[in-house]
PDB file of N, CA and C in Angstrom:
ATOM      1  N   MET A   1      -0.608 -12.673 -13.138  1.00  0.00           N
ATOM      2  CA  MET A   1      -0.990 -13.875 -12.439  1.00  0.00           C
ATOM      3  C   MET A   1      -2.453 -14.170 -12.729  1.00  0.00           C
ATOM      4  N   PHE A   2      -2.805 -15.422 -12.688  1.00  0.00           N
ATOM      5  CA  PHE A   2      -4.183 -15.852 -12.875  1.00  0.00           C
ATOM      6  C   PHE A   2      -4.811 -15.981 -11.497  1.00  0.00           C
ATOM      7  N   VAL A   3      -6.003 -15.422 -11.318  1.00  0.00           N
ATOM      8  CA  VAL A   3      -6.656 -15.494 -10.012  1.00  0.00           C
ATOM      9  C   VAL A   3      -8.064 -16.065 -10.150  1.00  0.00           C
ATOM     10  N   ILE A   4      -8.471 -16.735  -9.103  1.00  0.00           N
ATOM     11  CA  ILE A   4      -9.849 -17.192  -8.944  1.00  0.00           C
ATOM     12  C   ILE A   4     -10.335 -16.573  -7.655  1.00  0.00           C
ATOM     13  N   VAL A   5     -11.464 -15.881  -7.714  1.00  0.00           N
ATOM     14  CA  VAL A   5     -12.024 -15.198  -6.551  1.00  0.00           C
ATOM     15  C   VAL A   5     -13.372 -15.818  -6.220  1.00  0.00           C
ATOM     16  N   VAL A   6     -13.526 -16.161  -4.953  1.00  0.00           N
ATOM     17  CA  VAL A   6     -14.767 -16.741  -4.443  1.00  0.00           C
ATOM     18  C   VAL A   6     -15.180 -15.899  -3.247  1.00  0.00           C
ATOM     19  N   TYR A   7     -16.438 -15.465  -3.219  1.00  0.00           N
ATOM     20  CA  TYR A   7     -16.840 -14.645  -2.084  1.00  0.00           C
ATOM     21  C   TYR A   7     -18.148 -15.111  -1.474  1.00  0.00           C
ATOM     22  N   ASP A   8     -18.275 -14.821  -0.185  1.00  0.00           N
ATOM     23  CA  ASP A   8     -19.487 -15.094   0.578  1.00  0.00           C
ATOM     24  C   ASP A   8     -19.697 -13.876   1.465  1.00  0.00           C
ATOM     25  N   THR A   9     -20.667 -13.051   1.107  1.00  0.00           N
ATOM     26  CA  THR A   9     -20.888 -11.797   1.819  1.00  0.00           C
ATOM     27  C   THR A   9     -22.362 -11.664   2.201  1.00  0.00           C
ATOM     28  N   LEU A  10     -22.631 -10.732   3.068  1.00  0.00           N
ATOM     29  CA  LEU A  10     -24.007 -10.407   3.419  1.00  0.00           C
ATOM     30  C   LEU A  10     -24.727  -9.990   2.140  1.00  0.00           C
ATOM     31  N   ALA A  11     -25.947 -10.447   1.951  1.00  0.00           N
ATOM     32  CA  ALA A  11     -26.686 -10.229   0.697  1.00  0.00           C
ATOM     33  C   ALA A  11     -26.724  -8.767   0.272  1.00  0.00           C
ATOM     34  N   GLU A  12     -26.845  -7.855   1.203  1.00  0.00           N
ATOM     35  CA  GLU A  12     -26.930  -6.437   0.819  1.00  0.00           C
ATOM     36  C   GLU A  12     -25.607  -5.891   0.288  1.00  0.00           C
ATOM     37  N   ARG A  13     -24.487  -6.570   0.556  1.00  0.00           N
ATOM     38  CA  ARG A  13     -23.199  -6.131   0.008  1.00  0.00           C
ATOM     39  C   ARG A  13     -22.867  -6.826  -1.317  1.00  0.00           C
ATOM     40  N   ASN A  14     -23.611  -7.850  -1.661  1.00  0.00           N
ATOM     41  CA  ASN A  14     -23.327  -8.590  -2.897  1.00  0.00           C
ATOM     42  C   ASN A  14     -23.246  -7.706  -4.145  1.00  0.00           C
ATOM     43  N   PRO A  15     -24.150  -6.748  -4.352  1.00  0.00           N
ATOM     44  CA  PRO A  15     -24.045  -5.922  -5.560  1.00  0.00           C
ATOM     45  C   PRO A  15     -22.732  -5.142  -5.648  1.00  0.00           C
ATOM     46  N   LYS A  16     -22.223  -4.660  -4.529  1.00  0.00           N
ATOM     47  CA  LYS A  16     -20.959  -3.914  -4.541  1.00  0.00           C
ATOM     48  C   LYS A  16     -19.786  -4.835  -4.851  1.00  0.00           C
ATOM     49  N   ILE A  17     -19.798  -6.017  -4.268  1.00  0.00           N
ATOM     50  CA  ILE A  17     -18.733  -6.990  -4.536  1.00  0.00           C
ATOM     51  C   ILE A  17     -18.790  -7.417  -6.003  1.00  0.00           C
ATOM     52  N   LEU A  18     -19.983  -7.714  -6.473  1.00  0.00           N
ATOM     53  CA  LEU A  18     -20.176  -8.120  -7.862  1.00  0.00           C
ATOM     54  C   LEU A  18     -19.640  -7.056  -8.823  1.00  0.00           C
ATOM     55  N   LYS A  19     -19.993  -5.806  -8.592  1.00  0.00           N
ATOM     56  CA  LYS A  19     -19.556  -4.703  -9.451  1.00  0.00           C
ATOM     57  C   LYS A  19     -18.032  -4.563  -9.433  1.00  0.00           C
ATOM     58  N   THR A  20     -17.445  -4.679  -8.255  1.00  0.00           N
ATOM     59  CA  THR A  20     -15.989  -4.573  -8.136  1.00  0.00           C
ATOM     60  C   THR A  20     -15.307  -5.709  -8.883  1.00  0.00           C
ATOM     61  N   CYS A  21     -15.777  -6.917  -8.689  1.00  0.00           N
ATOM     62  CA  CYS A  21     -15.179  -8.068  -9.367  1.00  0.00           C
ATOM     63  C   CYS A  21     -15.312  -7.964 -10.880  1.00  0.00           C
ATOM     64  N   ARG A  22     -16.439  -7.502 -11.352  1.00  0.00           N
ATOM     65  CA  ARG A  22     -16.657  -7.386 -12.800  1.00  0.00           C
ATOM     66  C   ARG A  22     -15.734  -6.359 -13.446  1.00  0.00           C
ATOM     67  N   ARG A  23     -15.259  -5.391 -12.684  1.00  0.00           N
ATOM     68  CA  ARG A  23     -14.319  -4.403 -13.237  1.00  0.00           C
ATOM     69  C   ARG A  23     -12.976  -5.035 -13.572  1.00  0.00           C
ATOM     70  N   TYR A  24     -12.638  -6.135 -12.900  1.00  0.00           N
ATOM     71  CA  TYR A  24     -11.319  -6.725 -13.042  1.00  0.00           C
ATOM     72  C   TYR A  24     -11.310  -8.118 -13.666  1.00  0.00           C
ATOM     73  N   LEU A  25     -12.388  -8.882 -13.485  1.00  0.00           N
ATOM     74  CA  LEU A  25     -12.364 -10.313 -13.795  1.00  0.00           C
ATOM     75  C   LEU A  25     -13.609 -10.757 -14.551  1.00  0.00           C
ATOM     76  N   HIS A  26     -13.572 -11.998 -15.034  1.00  0.00           N
ATOM     77  CA  HIS A  26     -14.723 -12.622 -15.689  1.00  0.00           C
ATOM     78  C   HIS A  26     -15.593 -13.307 -14.646  1.00  0.00           C
ATOM     79  N   TRP A  27     -16.887 -13.112 -14.780  1.00  0.00           N
ATOM     80  CA  TRP A  27     -17.836 -13.846 -13.944  1.00  0.00           C
ATOM     81  C   TRP A  27     -17.878 -15.282 -14.450  1.00  0.00           C
ATOM     82  N   VAL A  28     -17.762 -16.246 -13.531  1.00  0.00           N
ATOM     83  CA  VAL A  28     -17.762 -17.655 -13.899  1.00  0.00           C
ATOM     84  C   VAL A  28     -19.012 -18.344 -13.371  1.00  0.00           C
ATOM     85  N   GLN A  29     -19.336 -18.057 -12.133  1.00  0.00           N
ATOM     86  CA  GLN A  29     -20.472 -18.709 -11.495  1.00  0.00           C
ATOM     87  C   GLN A  29     -20.884 -17.856 -10.303  1.00  0.00           C
ATOM     88  N   ARG A  30     -22.121 -17.807  -9.980  1.00  0.00           N
ATOM     89  CA  ARG A  30     -22.710 -16.956  -8.950  1.00  0.00           C
ATOM     90  C   ARG A  30     -21.726 -16.090  -8.168  1.00  0.00           C
ATOM     91  N   SER A  31     -20.943 -16.623  -7.286  1.00  0.00           N
ATOM     92  CA  SER A  31     -20.004 -15.815  -6.499  1.00  0.00           C
ATOM     93  C   SER A  31     -18.563 -16.160  -6.823  1.00  0.00           C
ATOM     94  N   VAL A  32     -18.306 -16.472  -8.093  1.00  0.00           N
ATOM     95  CA  VAL A  32     -16.970 -16.887  -8.512  1.00  0.00           C
ATOM     96  C   VAL A  32     -16.549 -16.094  -9.743  1.00  0.00           C
ATOM     97  N   PHE A  33     -15.323 -15.584  -9.696  1.00  0.00           N
ATOM     98  CA  PHE A  33     -14.736 -14.838 -10.811  1.00  0.00           C
ATOM     99  C   PHE A  33     -13.344 -15.369 -11.069  1.00  0.00           C
ATOM    100  N   GLN A  34     -12.848 -15.169 -12.297  1.00  0.00           N
ATOM    101  CA  GLN A  34     -11.479 -15.563 -12.605  1.00  0.00           C
ATOM    102  C   GLN A  34     -10.932 -14.690 -13.710  1.00  0.00           C
ATOM    103  N   GLY A  35      -9.612 -14.664 -13.815  1.00  0.00           N
ATOM    104  CA  GLY A  35      -8.963 -13.926 -14.881  1.00  0.00           C
ATOM    105  C   GLY A  35      -7.528 -13.581 -14.552  1.00  0.00           C
ATOM    106  N   GLU A  36      -6.880 -12.921 -15.495  1.00  0.00           N
ATOM    107  CA  GLU A  36      -5.490 -12.491 -15.360  1.00  0.00           C
ATOM    108  C   GLU A  36      -5.442 -11.099 -14.740  1.00  0.00           C
ATOM    109  N   LEU A  37      -4.538 -10.911 -13.778  1.00  0.00           N
ATOM    110  CA  LEU A  37      -4.288  -9.602 -13.176  1.00  0.00           C
ATOM    111  C   LEU A  37      -2.793  -9.371 -13.110  1.00  0.00           C
ATOM    112  N   SER A  38      -2.382  -8.154 -13.399  1.00  0.00           N
ATOM    113  CA  SER A  38      -0.992  -7.783 -13.152  1.00  0.00           C
ATOM    114  C   SER A  38      -0.839  -7.563 -11.647  1.00  0.00           C
ATOM    115  N   ALA A  39       0.380  -7.393 -11.184  1.00  0.00           N
ATOM    116  CA  ALA A  39       0.606  -7.140  -9.757  1.00  0.00           C
ATOM    117  C   ALA A  39      -0.094  -5.860  -9.321  1.00  0.00           C
ATOM    118  N   ALA A  40      -0.035  -4.831 -10.159  1.00  0.00           N
ATOM    119  CA  ALA A  40      -0.692  -3.557  -9.834  1.00  0.00           C
ATOM    120  C   ALA A  40      -2.212  -3.718  -9.810  1.00  0.00           C
ATOM    121  N   GLN A  41      -2.761  -4.442 -10.767  1.00  0.00           N
ATOM    122  CA  GLN A  41      -4.201  -4.686 -10.783  1.00  0.00           C
ATOM    123  C   GLN A  41      -4.628  -5.483  -9.557  1.00  0.00           C
ATOM    124  N   HIS A  42      -3.809  -6.445  -9.168  1.00  0.00           N
ATOM    125  CA  HIS A  42      -4.113  -7.249  -7.984  1.00  0.00           C
ATOM    126  C   HIS A  42      -4.168  -6.364  -6.738  1.00  0.00           C
ATOM    127  N   ARG A  43      -3.201  -5.474  -6.586  1.00  0.00           N
ATOM    128  CA  ARG A  43      -3.201  -4.550  -5.439  1.00  0.00           C
ATOM    129  C   ARG A  43      -4.433  -3.652  -5.465  1.00  0.00           C
ATOM    130  N   SER A  44      -4.762  -3.136  -6.631  1.00  0.00           N
ATOM    131  CA  SER A  44      -5.933  -2.269  -6.780  1.00  0.00           C
ATOM    132  C   SER A  44      -7.226  -3.025  -6.479  1.00  0.00           C
ATOM    133  N   PHE A  45      -7.311  -4.246  -6.989  1.00  0.00           N
ATOM    134  CA  PHE A  45      -8.488  -5.081  -6.771  1.00  0.00           C
ATOM    135  C   PHE A  45      -8.679  -5.383  -5.284  1.00  0.00           C
ATOM    136  N   THR A  46      -7.616  -5.831  -4.610  1.00  0.00           N
ATOM    137  CA  THR A  46      -7.750  -6.174  -3.191  1.00  0.00           C
ATOM    138  C   THR A  46      -8.081  -4.937  -2.353  1.00  0.00           C
ATOM    139  N   ALA A  47      -7.538  -3.791  -2.710  1.00  0.00           N
ATOM    140  CA  ALA A  47      -7.868  -2.552  -1.994  1.00  0.00           C
ATOM    141  C   ALA A  47      -9.344  -2.204  -2.189  1.00  0.00           C
ATOM    142  N   ALA A  48      -9.847  -2.363  -3.408  1.00  0.00           N
ATOM    143  CA  ALA A  48     -11.257  -2.068  -3.695  1.00  0.00           C
ATOM    144  C   ALA A  48     -12.178  -3.022  -2.932  1.00  0.00           C
ATOM    145  N   ILE A  49     -11.795  -4.290  -2.861  1.00  0.00           N
ATOM    146  CA  ILE A  49     -12.598  -5.276  -2.134  1.00  0.00           C
ATOM    147  C   ILE A  49     -12.643  -4.926  -0.652  1.00  0.00           C
ATOM    148  N   ARG A  50     -11.492  -4.575  -0.091  1.00  0.00           N
ATOM    149  CA  ARG A  50     -11.434  -4.231   1.337  1.00  0.00           C
ATOM    150  C   ARG A  50     -12.346  -3.062   1.691  1.00  0.00           C
ATOM    151  N   LYS A  51     -12.563  -2.163   0.731  1.00  0.00           N
ATOM    152  CA  LYS A  51     -13.411  -0.991   0.975  1.00  0.00           C
ATOM    153  C   LYS A  51     -14.896  -1.336   1.056  1.00  0.00           C
ATOM    154  N   VAL A  52     -15.305  -2.433   0.419  1.00  0.00           N
ATOM    155  CA  VAL A  52     -16.738  -2.730   0.355  1.00  0.00           C
ATOM    156  C   VAL A  52     -17.194  -3.876   1.252  1.00  0.00           C
ATOM    157  N   ILE A  53     -16.262  -4.617   1.843  1.00  0.00           N
ATOM    158  CA  ILE A  53     -16.691  -5.728   2.694  1.00  0.00           C
ATOM    159  C   ILE A  53     -16.588  -5.366   4.171  1.00  0.00           C
ATOM    160  N   ASP A  54     -17.253  -6.154   4.970  1.00  0.00           N
ATOM    161  CA  ASP A  54     -17.127  -6.095   6.429  1.00  0.00           C
ATOM    162  C   ASP A  54     -16.256  -7.280   6.813  1.00  0.00           C
ATOM    163  N   THR A  55     -15.010  -7.024   7.177  1.00  0.00           N
ATOM    164  CA  THR A  55     -14.068  -8.115   7.436  1.00  0.00           C
ATOM    165  C   THR A  55     -14.437  -8.943   8.665  1.00  0.00           C
ATOM    166  N   SER A  56     -15.346  -8.457   9.480  1.00  0.00           N
ATOM    167  CA  SER A  56     -15.768  -9.254  10.633  1.00  0.00           C
ATOM    168  C   SER A  56     -16.867 -10.254  10.267  1.00  0.00           C
ATOM    169  N   TYR A  57     -17.422 -10.145   9.043  1.00  0.00           N
ATOM    170  CA  TYR A  57     -18.501 -11.048   8.630  1.00  0.00           C
ATOM    171  C   TYR A  57     -18.226 -11.700   7.267  1.00  0.00           C
ATOM    172  N   ASP A  58     -17.831 -10.900   6.293  1.00  0.00           N
ATOM    173  CA  ASP A  58     -17.685 -11.358   4.911  1.00  0.00           C
ATOM    174  C   ASP A  58     -16.399 -12.144   4.704  1.00  0.00           C
ATOM    175  N   SER A  59     -16.404 -12.967   3.656  1.00  0.00           N
ATOM    176  CA  SER A  59     -15.223 -13.743   3.304  1.00  0.00           C
ATOM    177  C   SER A  59     -14.995 -13.663   1.800  1.00  0.00           C
ATOM    178  N   VAL A  60     -13.772 -13.324   1.416  1.00  0.00           N
ATOM    179  CA  VAL A  60     -13.370 -13.300   0.007  1.00  0.00           C
ATOM    180  C   VAL A  60     -12.082 -14.104  -0.102  1.00  0.00           C
ATOM    181  N   LEU A  61     -12.117 -15.168  -0.896  1.00  0.00           N
ATOM    182  CA  LEU A  61     -10.935 -15.993  -1.127  1.00  0.00           C
ATOM    183  C   LEU A  61     -10.364 -15.654  -2.494  1.00  0.00           C
ATOM    184  N   ILE A  62      -9.060 -15.402  -2.541  1.00  0.00           N
ATOM    185  CA  ILE A  62      -8.377 -15.118  -3.800  1.00  0.00           C
ATOM    186  C   ILE A  62      -7.293 -16.174  -3.979  1.00  0.00           C
ATOM    187  N   TYR A  63      -7.487 -17.031  -4.955  1.00  0.00           N
ATOM    188  CA  TYR A  63      -6.499 -18.054  -5.281  1.00  0.00           C
ATOM    189  C   TYR A  63      -5.604 -17.487  -6.379  1.00  0.00           C
ATOM    190  N   ARG A  64      -4.303 -17.415  -6.131  1.00  0.00           N
ATOM    191  CA  ARG A  64      -3.352 -16.896  -7.112  1.00  0.00           C
ATOM    192  C   ARG A  64      -2.596 -18.059  -7.741  1.00  0.00           C
ATOM    193  N   ILE A  65      -2.604 -18.089  -9.061  1.00  0.00           N
ATOM    194  CA  ILE A  65      -1.941 -19.138  -9.819  1.00  0.00           C
ATOM    195  C   ILE A  65      -0.999 -18.441 -10.794  1.00  0.00           C
ATOM    196  N   GLN A  66       0.218 -18.902 -10.864  1.00  0.00           N
ATOM    197  CA  GLN A  66       1.204 -18.216 -11.690  1.00  0.00           C
ATOM    198  C   GLN A  66       0.911 -18.311 -13.189  1.00  0.00           C
ATOM    199  N   THR A  67       0.250 -19.370 -13.610  1.00  0.00           N
ATOM    200  CA  THR A  67      -0.090 -19.491 -15.024  1.00  0.00           C
ATOM    201  C   THR A  67      -1.413 -20.248 -15.174  1.00  0.00           C
ATOM    202  N   PRO A  68      -2.330 -19.759 -16.002  1.00  0.00           N
ATOM    203  CA  PRO A  68      -3.606 -20.452 -16.188  1.00  0.00           C
ATOM    204  C   PRO A  68      -3.450 -21.791 -16.900  1.00  0.00           C
ATOM    205  N   VAL A  69      -2.294 -22.032 -17.513  1.00  0.00           N
ATOM    206  CA  VAL A  69      -2.047 -23.292 -18.203  1.00  0.00           C
ATOM    207  C   VAL A  69      -2.096 -24.456 -17.213  1.00  0.00           C
ATOM    208  N   LEU A  70      -1.750 -24.200 -15.954  1.00  0.00           N
ATOM    209  CA  LEU A  70      -1.713 -25.247 -14.944  1.00  0.00           C
ATOM    210  C   LEU A  70      -3.062 -25.488 -14.274  1.00  0.00           C
ATOM    211  N   VAL A  71      -4.091 -24.755 -14.682  1.00  0.00           N
ATOM    212  CA  VAL A  71      -5.406 -24.888 -14.077  1.00  0.00           C
ATOM    213  C   VAL A  71      -6.278 -25.790 -14.950  1.00  0.00           C
ATOM    214  N   GLU A  72      -6.800 -26.834 -14.355  1.00  0.00           N
ATOM    215  CA  GLU A  72      -7.765 -27.686 -15.044  1.00  0.00           C
ATOM    216  C   GLU A  72      -9.117 -27.449 -14.403  1.00  0.00           C
ATOM    217  N   THR A  73     -10.110 -27.171 -15.202  1.00  0.00           N
ATOM    218  CA  THR A  73     -11.451 -26.930 -14.698  1.00  0.00           C
ATOM    219  C   THR A  73     -12.395 -27.969 -15.282  1.00  0.00           C
ATOM    220  N   GLU A  74     -13.136 -28.609 -14.421  1.00  0.00           N
ATOM    221  CA  GLU A  74     -14.139 -29.580 -14.850  1.00  0.00           C
ATOM    222  C   GLU A  74     -15.497 -29.056 -14.401  1.00  0.00           C
ATOM    223  N   THR A  75     -16.418 -28.924 -15.324  1.00  0.00           N
ATOM    224  CA  THR A  75     -17.760 -28.471 -15.009  1.00  0.00           C
ATOM    225  C   THR A  75     -18.708 -29.651 -15.071  1.00  0.00           C
ATOM    226  N   ILE A  76     -19.470 -29.808 -14.017  1.00  0.00           N
ATOM    227  CA  ILE A  76     -20.521 -30.818 -13.988  1.00  0.00           C
ATOM    228  C   ILE A  76     -21.828 -30.048 -13.947  1.00  0.00           C
ATOM    229  N   GLY A  77     -22.645 -30.184 -14.948  1.00  0.00           N
ATOM    230  CA  GLY A  77     -23.862 -29.379 -15.048  1.00  0.00           C
ATOM    231  C   GLY A  77     -23.643 -28.214 -15.992  1.00  0.00           C
ATOM    232  N   GLN A  78     -24.369 -27.149 -15.780  1.00  0.00           N
ATOM    233  CA  GLN A  78     -24.381 -26.008 -16.677  1.00  0.00           C
ATOM    234  C   GLN A  78     -23.191 -25.073 -16.458  1.00  0.00           C
ATOM    235  N   ASP A  79     -22.591 -24.573 -17.559  1.00  0.00           N
ATOM    236  CA  ASP A  79     -21.637 -23.480 -17.482  1.00  0.00           C
ATOM    237  C   ASP A  79     -22.451 -22.209 -17.303  1.00  0.00           C
ATOM    238  N   LEU A  80     -22.216 -21.497 -16.228  1.00  0.00           N
ATOM    239  CA  LEU A  80     -23.017 -20.302 -15.961  1.00  0.00           C
ATOM    240  C   LEU A  80     -22.363 -19.011 -16.397  1.00  0.00           C
ATOM    241  N   GLY A  81     -21.065 -18.988 -16.532  1.00  0.00           N
ATOM    242  CA  GLY A  81     -20.391 -17.727 -16.825  1.00  0.00           C
ATOM    243  C   GLY A  81     -19.465 -17.835 -17.993  1.00  0.00           C
ATOM    244  N   ASN A  82     -18.602 -16.839 -18.081  1.00  0.00           N
ATOM    245  CA  ASN A  82     -17.645 -16.733 -19.164  1.00  0.00           C
ATOM    246  C   ASN A  82     -16.298 -17.235 -18.660  1.00  0.00           C
ATOM    247  N   THR A  83     -15.730 -18.229 -19.298  1.00  0.00           N
ATOM    248  CA  THR A  83     -14.452 -18.772 -18.859  1.00  0.00           C
ATOM    249  C   THR A  83     -13.322 -18.390 -19.801  1.00  0.00           C
ATOM    250  N   SER A  84     -13.596 -17.564 -20.808  1.00  0.00           N
ATOM    251  CA  SER A  84     -12.545 -17.157 -21.740  1.00  0.00           C
ATOM    252  C   SER A  84     -11.676 -16.076 -21.093  1.00  0.00           C
ATOM    253  N   PRO A  85     -10.464 -15.870 -21.629  1.00  0.00           N
ATOM    254  CA  PRO A  85      -9.603 -14.821 -21.090  1.00  0.00           C
ATOM    255  C   PRO A  85     -10.276 -13.455 -21.158  1.00  0.00           C
ATOM    256  N   ILE A  86      -9.970 -12.590 -20.207  1.00  0.00           N
ATOM    257  CA  ILE A  86     -10.621 -11.280 -20.113  1.00  0.00           C
ATOM    258  C   ILE A  86     -10.247 -10.351 -21.259  1.00  0.00           C
ATOM    259  N   LEU A  87      -9.043 -10.457 -21.768  1.00  0.00           N
ATOM    260  CA  LEU A  87      -8.608  -9.567 -22.866  1.00  0.00           C
ATOM    261  C   LEU A  87      -8.684 -10.256 -24.192  1.00  0.00           C
TER     262      LEU A  87
END
């Protein structure tokens, strides 16, 4: 599945979230990542995220899309990250 991850966390937790996301996905923009994950990778990723966030304060949105072909992305301004497939 293709996923887009957007997070908003306490600044001191940002490095841990960033590191976790980079293990699985492409960095696209400041707190945004995207890429393909298998079902097992998705389970592993969400478990890793749960370990580093405070669920009473932090927010992580994971948009699951069955195929990246159906995703249209329009950038206004600078492309900040890598939008190519992870593999």
